[in-house]
Amino acid sequence: MIITTHAVVGAAVTNLLKFNPPLALGTALASHFLLDILPHYDYQLESLSKTSDSSNLKLDYRLWFKDIRKLGLDFSSAFILVLFFWPPPTSSYLVYLGAGLAILPDGLHFLDHLMNWRITNIFTSFHQFFHTSWRLNSPIWGLFWQILIVLTVLIFN
């Protein structure tokens, strides 16, 4: 799933359960793993690759700006949608925290690629357990289903 989908679902779940903050935030985090069970599209960060010994990360600077554009668009879309549908004066800080918790697993997965720490390795294994093996390789179909999920969540929230 892309970051936007995770953030919007996390914010929506938190908003619905805001009467119980621990439940709301735990459910927002769990929503990440539940969404990753569904067949989905993930864009790849093309500038990052493992070296031959698989312990170090190699950065291809020629592709780095392309990846920054992808991530920037994704984070910006998430930020704009969450702020638009749950504006600051009327929404609790919990909604924003829920959106953040819903994208946290991907952030830790990225950190694992960068640092290769034992704790992040364990988390990545846990995260990968929930990822479906059936990928939607077409960005058009993959994004279509994620847009449908976002619209459904927004309509029923």
C-alpha atoms as a PDB file:
ATOM      1  CA  MET A   1       0.000   0.000   0.000  1.00  0.00           C
ATOM      2  CA  ILE A   2       1.099   3.538  -0.522  1.00  0.00           C
ATOM      3  CA  ILE A   3       1.565   5.921   2.396  1.00  0.00           C
ATOM      4  CA  THR A   4      -1.545   7.954   1.561  1.00  0.00           C
ATOM      5  CA  THR A   5      -3.847   4.947   1.895  1.00  0.00           C
ATOM      6  CA  HIS A   6      -2.350   3.941   5.243  1.00  0.00           C
ATOM      7  CA  ALA A   7      -2.496   7.499   6.618  1.00  0.00           C
ATOM      8  CA  VAL A   8      -6.118   8.141   5.606  1.00  0.00           C
ATOM      9  CA  VAL A   9      -7.330   4.803   6.964  1.00  0.00           C
ATOM     10  CA  GLY A  10      -5.358   5.324  10.188  1.00  0.00           C
ATOM     11  CA  ALA A  11      -6.835   8.809  10.642  1.00  0.00           C
ATOM     12  CA  ALA A  12     -10.364   7.574   9.923  1.00  0.00           C
ATOM     13  CA  VAL A  13     -10.110   4.660  12.346  1.00  0.00           C
ATOM     14  CA  THR A  14      -8.727   6.934  15.045  1.00  0.00           C
ATOM     15  CA  ASN A  15     -11.493   9.457  14.457  1.00  0.00           C
ATOM     16  CA  LEU A  16     -14.161   6.768  14.795  1.00  0.00           C
ATOM     17  CA  LEU A  17     -12.643   5.387  18.009  1.00  0.00           C
ATOM     18  CA  LYS A  18     -11.450   8.674  19.575  1.00  0.00           C
ATOM     19  CA  PHE A  19     -13.613   8.022  22.655  1.00  0.00           C
ATOM     20  CA  ASN A  20     -10.999   5.388  23.616  1.00  0.00           C
ATOM     21  CA  PRO A  21      -7.520   6.709  22.705  1.00  0.00           C
ATOM     22  CA  PRO A  22      -5.518   3.505  23.380  1.00  0.00           C
ATOM     23  CA  LEU A  23      -7.975   1.467  21.293  1.00  0.00           C
ATOM     24  CA  ALA A  24      -8.002   4.130  18.565  1.00  0.00           C
ATOM     25  CA  LEU A  25      -4.216   4.305  18.278  1.00  0.00           C
ATOM     26  CA  GLY A  26      -3.741   0.536  18.497  1.00  0.00           C
ATOM     27  CA  THR A  27      -6.338   0.021  15.785  1.00  0.00           C
ATOM     28  CA  ALA A  28      -4.692   2.671  13.591  1.00  0.00           C
ATOM     29  CA  LEU A  29      -1.378   0.807  13.859  1.00  0.00           C
ATOM     30  CA  ALA A  30      -3.076  -2.554  13.247  1.00  0.00           C
ATOM     31  CA  SER A  31      -4.829  -1.111  10.173  1.00  0.00           C
ATOM     32  CA  HIS A  32      -1.455  -0.983   8.437  1.00  0.00           C
ATOM     33  CA  PHE A  33      -0.992  -4.726   8.725  1.00  0.00           C
ATOM     34  CA  LEU A  34      -4.610  -5.476   7.814  1.00  0.00           C
ATOM     35  CA  LEU A  35      -4.346  -3.354   4.663  1.00  0.00           C
ATOM     36  CA  ASP A  36      -1.091  -5.074   3.692  1.00  0.00           C
ATOM     37  CA  ILE A  37      -2.925  -8.416   3.670  1.00  0.00           C
ATOM     38  CA  LEU A  38      -4.947  -7.196   0.663  1.00  0.00           C
ATOM     39  CA  PRO A  39      -3.439  -7.501  -2.810  1.00  0.00           C
ATOM     40  CA  HIS A  40      -1.994  -4.078  -3.549  1.00  0.00           C
ATOM     41  CA  TYR A  41       0.509  -1.993  -5.436  1.00  0.00           C
ATOM     42  CA  ASP A  42       3.726  -0.711  -3.871  1.00  0.00           C
ATOM     43  CA  TYR A  43       6.065   1.601  -5.691  1.00  0.00           C
ATOM     44  CA  GLN A  44       9.710   0.711  -5.433  1.00  0.00           C
ATOM     45  CA  LEU A  45      12.449   3.031  -4.307  1.00  0.00           C
ATOM     46  CA  GLU A  46      14.710   2.536  -7.285  1.00  0.00           C
ATOM     47  CA  SER A  47      17.694   4.434  -5.881  1.00  0.00           C
ATOM     48  CA  LEU A  48      18.261   1.958  -3.036  1.00  0.00           C
ATOM     49  CA  SER A  49      19.772  -1.472  -3.492  1.00  0.00           C
ATOM     50  CA  LYS A  50      21.697  -3.898  -1.333  1.00  0.00           C
ATOM     51  CA  THR A  51      25.346  -4.525  -2.084  1.00  0.00           C
ATOM     52  CA  SER A  52      26.572  -7.994  -2.982  1.00  0.00           C
ATOM     53  CA  ASP A  53      27.202  -8.900   0.659  1.00  0.00           C
ATOM     54  CA  SER A  54      23.610  -7.768   1.537  1.00  0.00           C
ATOM     55  CA  SER A  55      24.755  -5.868   4.580  1.00  0.00           C
ATOM     56  CA  ASN A  56      25.232  -2.431   3.108  1.00  0.00           C
ATOM     57  CA  LEU A  57      22.873  -0.214   1.215  1.00  0.00           C
ATOM     58  CA  LYS A  58      23.956   1.313  -2.051  1.00  0.00           C
ATOM     59  CA  LEU A  59      22.444   4.613  -3.168  1.00  0.00           C
ATOM     60  CA  ASP A  60      22.183   5.440  -6.860  1.00  0.00           C
ATOM     61  CA  TYR A  61      22.160   9.230  -6.911  1.00  0.00           C
ATOM     62  CA  ARG A  62      20.875   9.322 -10.494  1.00  0.00           C
ATOM     63  CA  LEU A  63      17.595   7.777  -9.339  1.00  0.00           C
ATOM     64  CA  TRP A  64      17.446   9.531  -5.972  1.00  0.00           C
ATOM     65  CA  PHE A  65      15.476  12.555  -7.210  1.00  0.00           C
ATOM     66  CA  LYS A  66      12.921  10.257  -8.840  1.00  0.00           C
ATOM     67  CA  ASP A  67      12.382   8.502  -5.508  1.00  0.00           C
ATOM     68  CA  ILE A  68      12.182  11.829  -3.645  1.00  0.00           C
ATOM     69  CA  ARG A  69       9.443  12.942  -6.064  1.00  0.00           C
ATOM     70  CA  LYS A  70       7.475   9.715  -5.476  1.00  0.00           C
ATOM     71  CA  LEU A  71       7.782   9.947  -1.702  1.00  0.00           C
ATOM     72  CA  GLY A  72       7.086  13.681  -1.713  1.00  0.00           C
ATOM     73  CA  LEU A  73       3.890  13.234  -3.731  1.00  0.00           C
ATOM     74  CA  ASP A  74       2.765  10.368  -1.508  1.00  0.00           C
ATOM     75  CA  PHE A  75       3.460  12.168   1.795  1.00  0.00           C
ATOM     76  CA  SER A  76       1.953  15.413   0.464  1.00  0.00           C
ATOM     77  CA  SER A  77      -1.211  13.618  -0.642  1.00  0.00           C
ATOM     78  CA  ALA A  78      -1.527  11.955   2.756  1.00  0.00           C
ATOM     79  CA  PHE A  79      -0.927  15.223   4.602  1.00  0.00           C
ATOM     80  CA  ILE A  80      -3.401  17.193   2.474  1.00  0.00           C
ATOM     81  CA  LEU A  81      -6.168  14.580   2.662  1.00  0.00           C
ATOM     82  CA  VAL A  82      -5.855  14.095   6.417  1.00  0.00           C
ATOM     83  CA  LEU A  83      -5.820  17.846   7.077  1.00  0.00           C
ATOM     84  CA  PHE A  84      -8.693  18.457   4.646  1.00  0.00           C
ATOM     85  CA  PHE A  85     -11.031  15.813   6.069  1.00  0.00           C
ATOM     86  CA  TRP A  86      -9.978  16.271   9.694  1.00  0.00           C
ATOM     87  CA  PRO A  87      -9.064  19.965  10.030  1.00  0.00           C
ATOM     88  CA  PRO A  88      -7.079  21.039  13.117  1.00  0.00           C
ATOM     89  CA  PRO A  89      -9.620  23.037  15.103  1.00  0.00           C
ATOM     90  CA  THR A  90     -12.287  20.339  14.940  1.00  0.00           C
ATOM     91  CA  SER A  91     -10.084  17.243  15.093  1.00  0.00           C
ATOM     92  CA  SER A  92      -8.185  15.887  18.012  1.00  0.00           C
ATOM     93  CA  TYR A  93      -4.415  15.440  17.863  1.00  0.00           C
ATOM     94  CA  LEU A  94      -5.235  11.726  18.093  1.00  0.00           C
ATOM     95  CA  VAL A  95      -6.351  11.700  14.455  1.00  0.00           C
ATOM     96  CA  TYR A  96      -2.941  12.944  13.332  1.00  0.00           C
ATOM     97  CA  LEU A  97      -1.158  10.562  15.661  1.00  0.00           C
ATOM     98  CA  GLY A  98      -3.296   7.725  14.260  1.00  0.00           C
ATOM     99  CA  ALA A  99      -2.303   8.673  10.711  1.00  0.00           C
ATOM    100  CA  GLY A 100       1.328   8.668  11.785  1.00  0.00           C
ATOM    101  CA  LEU A 101       1.064   5.300  13.516  1.00  0.00           C
ATOM    102  CA  ALA A 102      -0.579   3.833  10.426  1.00  0.00           C
ATOM    103  CA  ILE A 103       2.469   4.684   8.306  1.00  0.00           C
ATOM    104  CA  LEU A 104       5.042   3.866  11.002  1.00  0.00           C
ATOM    105  CA  PRO A 105       5.584   0.244   9.872  1.00  0.00           C
ATOM    106  CA  ASP A 106       6.743   1.427   6.437  1.00  0.00           C
ATOM    107  CA  GLY A 107       9.046   3.953   8.078  1.00  0.00           C
ATOM    108  CA  LEU A 108      10.595   1.229  10.232  1.00  0.00           C
ATOM    109  CA  HIS A 109      10.901  -1.013   7.183  1.00  0.00           C
ATOM    110  CA  PHE A 110      12.777   1.782   5.389  1.00  0.00           C
ATOM    111  CA  LEU A 111      14.982   2.266   8.469  1.00  0.00           C
ATOM    112  CA  ASP A 112      15.793  -1.442   8.343  1.00  0.00           C
ATOM    113  CA  HIS A 113      17.059  -1.014   4.788  1.00  0.00           C
ATOM    114  CA  LEU A 114      19.261   1.869   5.898  1.00  0.00           C
ATOM    115  CA  MET A 115      20.583   0.583   9.215  1.00  0.00           C
ATOM    116  CA  ASN A 116      20.182  -3.207   9.192  1.00  0.00           C
ATOM    117  CA  TRP A 117      19.802  -3.336  12.984  1.00  0.00           C
ATOM    118  CA  ARG A 118      18.636  -6.540  14.654  1.00  0.00           C
ATOM    119  CA  ILE A 119      15.507  -4.887  16.094  1.00  0.00           C
ATOM    120  CA  THR A 120      14.509  -3.493  12.697  1.00  0.00           C
ATOM    121  CA  ASN A 121      15.234  -6.895  11.107  1.00  0.00           C
ATOM    122  CA  ILE A 122      12.801  -8.521  13.542  1.00  0.00           C
ATOM    123  CA  PHE A 123      10.195  -5.867  12.827  1.00  0.00           C
ATOM    124  CA  THR A 124      10.656  -6.221   9.048  1.00  0.00           C
ATOM    125  CA  SER A 125      10.100  -9.981   9.334  1.00  0.00           C
ATOM    126  CA  PHE A 126       6.892  -9.321  11.280  1.00  0.00           C
ATOM    127  CA  HIS A 127       5.810  -6.699   8.733  1.00  0.00           C
ATOM    128  CA  GLN A 128       6.569  -8.981   5.772  1.00  0.00           C
ATOM    129  CA  PHE A 129       4.496 -11.760   7.369  1.00  0.00           C
ATOM    130  CA  PHE A 130       1.383  -9.673   6.720  1.00  0.00           C
ATOM    131  CA  HIS A 131       2.256  -8.711   3.161  1.00  0.00           C
ATOM    132  CA  THR A 132       0.319 -10.630   0.579  1.00  0.00           C
ATOM    133  CA  SER A 133       2.332 -12.518  -1.998  1.00  0.00           C
ATOM    134  CA  TRP A 134      -0.161 -11.445  -4.664  1.00  0.00           C
ATOM    135  CA  ARG A 135       0.945  -8.059  -5.941  1.00  0.00           C
ATOM    136  CA  LEU A 136      -0.925  -5.760  -8.275  1.00  0.00           C
ATOM    137  CA  ASN A 137       2.008  -4.926 -10.538  1.00  0.00           C
ATOM    138  CA  SER A 138       0.082  -2.472 -12.651  1.00  0.00           C
ATOM    139  CA  PRO A 139       0.219   1.004 -11.096  1.00  0.00           C
ATOM    140  CA  ILE A 140      -3.138   1.794 -12.707  1.00  0.00           C
ATOM    141  CA  TRP A 141      -4.991  -1.151 -11.134  1.00  0.00           C
ATOM    142  CA  GLY A 142      -3.050  -0.906  -7.911  1.00  0.00           C
ATOM    143  CA  LEU A 143      -3.780   2.777  -7.457  1.00  0.00           C
ATOM    144  CA  PHE A 144      -7.402   2.298  -8.555  1.00  0.00           C
ATOM    145  CA  TRP A 145      -8.037  -0.131  -5.684  1.00  0.00           C
ATOM    146  CA  GLN A 146      -6.256   2.076  -3.171  1.00  0.00           C
ATOM    147  CA  ILE A 147      -8.224   5.140  -4.295  1.00  0.00           C
ATOM    148  CA  LEU A 148     -11.386   3.047  -3.911  1.00  0.00           C
ATOM    149  CA  ILE A 149     -10.350   2.109  -0.358  1.00  0.00           C
ATOM    150  CA  VAL A 150      -9.634   5.751   0.514  1.00  0.00           C
ATOM    151  CA  LEU A 151     -12.932   6.964  -0.958  1.00  0.00           C
ATOM    152  CA  THR A 152     -14.866   4.232   0.875  1.00  0.00           C
ATOM    153  CA  VAL A 153     -13.240   5.157   4.181  1.00  0.00           C
ATOM    154  CA  LEU A 154     -13.901   8.860   3.629  1.00  0.00           C
ATOM    155  CA  ILE A 155     -17.537   8.294   2.656  1.00  0.00           C
ATOM    156  CA  PHE A 156     -18.295   6.139   5.695  1.00  0.00           C
ATOM    157  CA  ASN A 157     -16.382   8.281   8.160  1.00  0.00           C
END
